[in-house]
Amino acid sequence: MAQIDVDATRRTVLANERTALAWWRTGLTSLAVALAVGRVVPELGDTSRSWPYTVVGIGFALYGVALIVYGSSRSRAVIRALESGGDVAPPDRAIGALTLAGAVLALLTAVLILAD
């Protein structure tokens, strides 16, 4: 194997690791938002009903878990493709679902802010 091929593979593996870590950071951030929306904000505010905050908080928690799981799965798929010399199909469906879920959670959070 030529030195150029080894360097390209090494760069791809390192880029894949950085991308996986970005998915994890985003997922962990979503878990922090879940805690804030679901527990902290209702206790700090003058809210008589905390259940909407709990529901949105649970949504952010599930979203965070989905981001971490997807990022890890995608990272493993890229490594397998590198090892086999194959391709990794673009994740249109998964990215679309995660985008939609994030947008819905953002809108629900905006509704909570406006309603209070």
N, C-alpha and C. Protein backbone atom coordinates (compact mmCIF):
# COMPACT_ATOMS: atom_id res chain seq x y z
N MET A 1 0.86 -1.17 0.00
CA MET A 1 0.00 0.00 0.00
C MET A 1 0.90 1.23 0.00
N ALA A 2 0.58 2.17 -0.81
CA ALA A 2 1.37 3.39 -0.94
C ALA A 2 1.17 4.28 0.29
N GLN A 3 2.17 5.11 0.57
CA GLN A 3 2.12 6.02 1.72
C GLN A 3 0.92 6.95 1.61
N ILE A 4 0.58 7.37 0.41
CA ILE A 4 -0.56 8.28 0.21
C ILE A 4 -1.86 7.60 0.64
N ASP A 5 -2.02 6.31 0.29
CA ASP A 5 -3.21 5.57 0.69
C ASP A 5 -3.31 5.43 2.21
N VAL A 6 -2.19 5.15 2.86
CA VAL A 6 -2.17 5.02 4.32
C VAL A 6 -2.54 6.35 4.96
N ASP A 7 -1.97 7.44 4.48
CA ASP A 7 -2.28 8.75 5.02
C ASP A 7 -3.75 9.12 4.83
N ALA A 8 -4.29 8.81 3.66
CA ALA A 8 -5.70 9.11 3.39
C ALA A 8 -6.60 8.30 4.31
N THR A 9 -6.28 7.04 4.51
CA THR A 9 -7.08 6.20 5.40
C THR A 9 -6.98 6.72 6.84
N ARG A 10 -5.79 7.07 7.27
CA ARG A 10 -5.60 7.60 8.62
C ARG A 10 -6.42 8.88 8.80
N ARG A 11 -6.38 9.76 7.84
CA ARG A 11 -7.15 11.01 7.94
C ARG A 11 -8.65 10.73 7.98
N THR A 12 -9.08 9.76 7.20
CA THR A 12 -10.50 9.41 7.19
C THR A 12 -10.94 8.82 8.53
N VAL A 13 -10.11 7.97 9.11
CA VAL A 13 -10.43 7.39 10.41
C VAL A 13 -10.50 8.48 11.48
N LEU A 14 -9.54 9.39 11.47
CA LEU A 14 -9.55 10.47 12.45
C LEU A 14 -10.74 11.41 12.25
N ALA A 15 -11.08 11.70 11.01
CA ALA A 15 -12.26 12.53 10.73
C ALA A 15 -13.53 11.82 11.21
N ASN A 16 -13.58 10.52 11.02
CA ASN A 16 -14.72 9.73 11.47
C ASN A 16 -14.84 9.79 13.00
N GLU A 17 -13.71 9.72 13.69
CA GLU A 17 -13.73 9.82 15.15
C GLU A 17 -14.22 11.19 15.60
N ARG A 18 -13.76 12.24 14.94
CA ARG A 18 -14.22 13.60 15.30
C ARG A 18 -15.72 13.74 15.06
N THR A 19 -16.19 13.16 13.98
CA THR A 19 -17.62 13.25 13.68
C THR A 19 -18.44 12.49 14.72
N ALA A 20 -17.97 11.30 15.09
CA ALA A 20 -18.68 10.53 16.13
C ALA A 20 -18.71 11.30 17.44
N LEU A 21 -17.59 11.93 17.79
CA LEU A 21 -17.57 12.73 19.02
C LEU A 21 -18.52 13.92 18.93
N ALA A 22 -18.67 14.50 17.75
CA ALA A 22 -19.62 15.60 17.58
C ALA A 22 -21.06 15.12 17.80
N TRP A 23 -21.38 13.93 17.30
CA TRP A 23 -22.71 13.36 17.55
C TRP A 23 -22.91 13.16 19.05
N TRP A 24 -21.89 12.65 19.73
CA TRP A 24 -21.98 12.44 21.18
C TRP A 24 -22.14 13.77 21.92
N ARG A 25 -21.35 14.78 21.55
CA ARG A 25 -21.47 16.08 22.22
C ARG A 25 -22.87 16.66 22.04
N THR A 26 -23.39 16.53 20.85
CA THR A 26 -24.74 17.05 20.59
C THR A 26 -25.77 16.27 21.39
N GLY A 27 -25.61 14.96 21.45
CA GLY A 27 -26.52 14.13 22.25
C GLY A 27 -26.46 14.47 23.73
N LEU A 28 -25.24 14.64 24.25
CA LEU A 28 -25.09 15.00 25.66
C LEU A 28 -25.66 16.39 25.95
N THR A 29 -25.51 17.30 25.01
CA THR A 29 -26.11 18.63 25.16
C THR A 29 -27.62 18.53 25.21
N SER A 30 -28.18 17.68 24.37
CA SER A 30 -29.63 17.48 24.38
C SER A 30 -30.09 16.89 25.71
N LEU A 31 -29.28 16.03 26.30
CA LEU A 31 -29.63 15.48 27.62
C LEU A 31 -29.59 16.58 28.69
N ALA A 32 -28.65 17.51 28.58
CA ALA A 32 -28.60 18.63 29.52
C ALA A 32 -29.83 19.52 29.34
N VAL A 33 -30.23 19.75 28.10
CA VAL A 33 -31.44 20.54 27.83
C VAL A 33 -32.66 19.81 28.40
N ALA A 34 -32.68 18.49 28.28
CA ALA A 34 -33.79 17.70 28.83
C ALA A 34 -33.93 17.94 30.33
N LEU A 35 -32.81 17.90 31.02
CA LEU A 35 -32.83 18.14 32.46
C LEU A 35 -33.30 19.56 32.78
N ALA A 36 -32.80 20.52 32.01
CA ALA A 36 -33.18 21.92 32.25
C ALA A 36 -34.67 22.14 31.99
N VAL A 37 -35.15 21.68 30.85
CA VAL A 37 -36.56 21.91 30.50
C VAL A 37 -37.49 21.09 31.39
N GLY A 38 -37.12 19.85 31.64
CA GLY A 38 -38.02 18.96 32.38
C GLY A 38 -38.04 19.15 33.88
N ARG A 39 -36.93 19.63 34.46
CA ARG A 39 -36.86 19.74 35.92
C ARG A 39 -36.53 21.13 36.44
N VAL A 40 -35.51 21.75 35.89
CA VAL A 40 -35.02 23.00 36.46
C VAL A 40 -35.99 24.16 36.18
N VAL A 41 -36.39 24.34 34.94
CA VAL A 41 -37.26 25.47 34.58
C VAL A 41 -38.57 25.44 35.34
N PRO A 42 -39.26 24.30 35.44
CA PRO A 42 -40.52 24.32 36.20
C PRO A 42 -40.33 24.69 37.67
N GLU A 43 -39.19 24.31 38.25
CA GLU A 43 -38.96 24.64 39.66
C GLU A 43 -38.59 26.11 39.85
N LEU A 44 -37.95 26.70 38.86
CA LEU A 44 -37.56 28.11 38.96
C LEU A 44 -38.69 29.06 38.62
N GLY A 45 -39.53 28.64 37.70
CA GLY A 45 -40.60 29.52 37.24
C GLY A 45 -41.82 29.46 38.11
N ASP A 46 -42.77 30.30 37.75
CA ASP A 46 -44.04 30.34 38.46
C ASP A 46 -45.06 29.55 37.64
N THR A 47 -44.81 28.25 37.53
CA THR A 47 -45.68 27.41 36.70
C THR A 47 -46.57 26.56 37.59
N SER A 48 -47.84 26.60 37.32
CA SER A 48 -48.77 25.78 38.08
C SER A 48 -48.86 24.36 37.50
N ARG A 49 -48.52 24.25 36.23
CA ARG A 49 -48.56 22.92 35.59
C ARG A 49 -47.16 22.61 35.05
N SER A 50 -46.55 21.58 35.57
CA SER A 50 -45.20 21.23 35.12
C SER A 50 -45.20 20.10 34.10
N TRP A 51 -46.34 19.44 33.88
CA TRP A 51 -46.33 18.28 32.99
C TRP A 51 -45.92 18.61 31.56
N PRO A 52 -46.27 19.78 30.99
CA PRO A 52 -45.79 20.04 29.63
C PRO A 52 -44.26 20.12 29.56
N TYR A 53 -43.65 20.67 30.59
CA TYR A 53 -42.19 20.75 30.65
C TYR A 53 -41.59 19.36 30.76
N THR A 54 -42.23 18.51 31.54
CA THR A 54 -41.75 17.13 31.68
C THR A 54 -41.82 16.40 30.35
N VAL A 55 -42.91 16.59 29.63
CA VAL A 55 -43.07 15.91 28.33
C VAL A 55 -42.00 16.37 27.34
N VAL A 56 -41.78 17.68 27.26
CA VAL A 56 -40.75 18.21 26.35
C VAL A 56 -39.36 17.76 26.82
N GLY A 57 -39.14 17.75 28.12
CA GLY A 57 -37.87 17.27 28.66
C GLY A 57 -37.60 15.82 28.28
N ILE A 58 -38.61 14.98 28.38
CA ILE A 58 -38.48 13.58 27.98
C ILE A 58 -38.18 13.50 26.48
N GLY A 59 -38.82 14.36 25.70
CA GLY A 59 -38.55 14.40 24.26
C GLY A 59 -37.09 14.71 23.97
N PHE A 60 -36.54 15.71 24.68
CA PHE A 60 -35.13 16.05 24.49
C PHE A 60 -34.22 14.91 24.94
N ALA A 61 -34.60 14.22 26.01
CA ALA A 61 -33.79 13.08 26.48
C ALA A 61 -33.77 11.96 25.43
N LEU A 62 -34.93 11.65 24.88
CA LEU A 62 -34.99 10.62 23.84
C LEU A 62 -34.21 11.05 22.60
N TYR A 63 -34.30 12.32 22.28
CA TYR A 63 -33.56 12.87 21.15
C TYR A 63 -32.05 12.74 21.38
N GLY A 64 -31.61 13.05 22.59
CA GLY A 64 -30.19 12.91 22.92
C GLY A 64 -29.70 11.48 22.78
N VAL A 65 -30.50 10.55 23.27
CA VAL A 65 -30.13 9.13 23.14
C VAL A 65 -30.08 8.74 21.67
N ALA A 66 -31.05 9.18 20.89
CA ALA A 66 -31.07 8.86 19.45
C ALA A 66 -29.82 9.41 18.74
N LEU A 67 -29.41 10.62 19.10
CA LEU A 67 -28.22 11.21 18.49
C LEU A 67 -26.97 10.38 18.82
N ILE A 68 -26.83 9.97 20.06
CA ILE A 68 -25.66 9.19 20.48
C ILE A 68 -25.66 7.83 19.79
N VAL A 69 -26.80 7.17 19.76
CA VAL A 69 -26.90 5.86 19.13
C VAL A 69 -26.63 5.97 17.63
N TYR A 70 -27.24 6.96 16.99
CA TYR A 70 -27.03 7.11 15.55
C TYR A 70 -25.57 7.43 15.23
N GLY A 71 -24.97 8.34 15.99
CA GLY A 71 -23.58 8.71 15.75
C GLY A 71 -22.64 7.52 15.89
N SER A 72 -22.87 6.71 16.91
CA SER A 72 -22.04 5.51 17.11
C SER A 72 -22.25 4.51 15.99
N SER A 73 -23.50 4.31 15.60
CA SER A 73 -23.82 3.37 14.52
C SER A 73 -23.20 3.81 13.20
N ARG A 74 -23.31 5.09 12.92
CA ARG A 74 -22.75 5.63 11.68
C ARG A 74 -21.23 5.51 11.67
N SER A 75 -20.60 5.75 12.80
CA SER A 75 -19.15 5.63 12.90
C SER A 75 -18.70 4.20 12.62
N ARG A 76 -19.41 3.23 13.19
CA ARG A 76 -19.07 1.82 12.94
C ARG A 76 -19.28 1.47 11.47
N ALA A 77 -20.32 2.01 10.85
CA ALA A 77 -20.57 1.73 9.44
C ALA A 77 -19.45 2.28 8.56
N VAL A 78 -18.95 3.44 8.89
CA VAL A 78 -17.85 4.03 8.12
C VAL A 78 -16.59 3.18 8.26
N ILE A 79 -16.29 2.73 9.47
CA ILE A 79 -15.10 1.88 9.68
C ILE A 79 -15.24 0.57 8.92
N ARG A 80 -16.41 -0.04 8.97
CA ARG A 80 -16.63 -1.29 8.20
C ARG A 80 -16.44 -1.04 6.71
N ALA A 81 -16.94 0.07 6.21
CA ALA A 81 -16.79 0.39 4.79
C ALA A 81 -15.33 0.60 4.43
N LEU A 82 -14.58 1.25 5.30
CA LEU A 82 -13.15 1.44 5.06
C LEU A 82 -12.42 0.10 5.01
N GLU A 83 -12.76 -0.78 5.93
CA GLU A 83 -12.10 -2.09 5.98
C GLU A 83 -12.42 -2.95 4.77
N SER A 84 -13.66 -2.84 4.28
CA SER A 84 -14.07 -3.68 3.15
C SER A 84 -13.85 -3.01 1.80
N GLY A 85 -13.52 -1.72 1.83
CA GLY A 85 -13.34 -1.00 0.57
C GLY A 85 -14.65 -0.57 -0.06
N GLY A 86 -15.73 -0.70 0.69
CA GLY A 86 -17.05 -0.33 0.16
C GLY A 86 -17.41 1.11 0.44
N ASP A 87 -18.64 1.44 0.13
CA ASP A 87 -19.18 2.78 0.34
C ASP A 87 -20.17 2.77 1.49
N VAL A 88 -20.42 3.95 2.04
CA VAL A 88 -21.46 4.11 3.05
C VAL A 88 -22.53 4.99 2.41
N ALA A 89 -23.74 4.44 2.36
CA ALA A 89 -24.85 5.18 1.74
C ALA A 89 -25.16 6.44 2.55
N PRO A 90 -25.55 7.50 1.87
CA PRO A 90 -25.94 8.72 2.59
C PRO A 90 -27.13 8.44 3.51
N PRO A 91 -27.12 9.01 4.70
CA PRO A 91 -28.14 8.70 5.70
C PRO A 91 -29.38 9.60 5.61
N ASP A 92 -29.93 9.74 4.42
CA ASP A 92 -31.03 10.69 4.22
C ASP A 92 -32.20 10.48 5.18
N ARG A 93 -32.65 9.26 5.32
CA ARG A 93 -33.83 8.99 6.14
C ARG A 93 -33.57 9.29 7.62
N ALA A 94 -32.45 8.81 8.12
CA ALA A 94 -32.12 9.03 9.53
C ALA A 94 -31.90 10.52 9.81
N ILE A 95 -31.16 11.18 8.95
CA ILE A 95 -30.92 12.62 9.14
C ILE A 95 -32.23 13.39 9.04
N GLY A 96 -33.09 13.01 8.14
CA GLY A 96 -34.40 13.65 8.02
C GLY A 96 -35.22 13.48 9.28
N ALA A 97 -35.22 12.28 9.84
CA ALA A 97 -35.99 12.02 11.07
C ALA A 97 -35.42 12.81 12.25
N LEU A 98 -34.08 12.84 12.35
CA LEU A 98 -33.46 13.60 13.45
C LEU A 98 -33.70 15.10 13.29
N THR A 99 -33.67 15.58 12.06
CA THR A 99 -33.95 17.00 11.80
C THR A 99 -35.38 17.35 12.17
N LEU A 100 -36.31 16.52 11.76
CA LEU A 100 -37.72 16.75 12.08
C LEU A 100 -37.94 16.72 13.59
N ALA A 101 -37.34 15.74 14.27
CA ALA A 101 -37.50 15.65 15.73
C ALA A 101 -36.93 16.89 16.41
N GLY A 102 -35.76 17.35 15.96
CA GLY A 102 -35.17 18.56 16.54
C GLY A 102 -36.04 19.78 16.31
N ALA A 103 -36.61 19.90 15.12
CA ALA A 103 -37.48 21.03 14.81
C ALA A 103 -38.75 21.00 15.66
N VAL A 104 -39.33 19.83 15.83
CA VAL A 104 -40.53 19.70 16.66
C VAL A 104 -40.23 20.08 18.11
N LEU A 105 -39.10 19.58 18.62
CA LEU A 105 -38.73 19.92 19.99
C LEU A 105 -38.48 21.42 20.15
N ALA A 106 -37.86 22.03 19.17
CA ALA A 106 -37.62 23.47 19.21
C ALA A 106 -38.94 24.23 19.23
N LEU A 107 -39.88 23.82 18.40
CA LEU A 107 -41.20 24.47 18.36
C LEU A 107 -41.96 24.27 19.67
N LEU A 108 -41.90 23.08 20.24
CA LEU A 108 -42.55 22.83 21.52
C LEU A 108 -41.94 23.69 22.63
N THR A 109 -40.63 23.85 22.58
CA THR A 109 -39.96 24.70 23.56
C THR A 109 -40.41 26.16 23.39
N ALA A 110 -40.53 26.61 22.15
CA ALA A 110 -41.01 27.97 21.89
C ALA A 110 -42.44 28.14 22.42
N VAL A 111 -43.27 27.13 22.24
CA VAL A 111 -44.65 27.19 22.75
C VAL A 111 -44.64 27.31 24.27
N LEU A 112 -43.78 26.53 24.94
CA LEU A 112 -43.67 26.61 26.40
C LEU A 112 -43.26 28.02 26.85
N ILE A 113 -42.32 28.59 26.12
CA ILE A 113 -41.85 29.94 26.47
C ILE A 113 -42.96 30.95 26.29
N LEU A 114 -43.66 30.86 25.18
CA LEU A 114 -44.73 31.82 24.89
C LEU A 114 -45.94 31.64 25.80
N ALA A 115 -46.22 30.41 26.19
CA ALA A 115 -47.40 30.12 26.99
C ALA A 115 -47.23 30.55 28.44
N ASP A 116 -45.99 30.68 28.87
CA ASP A 116 -45.77 31.01 30.29
C ASP A 116 -45.68 32.46 30.53
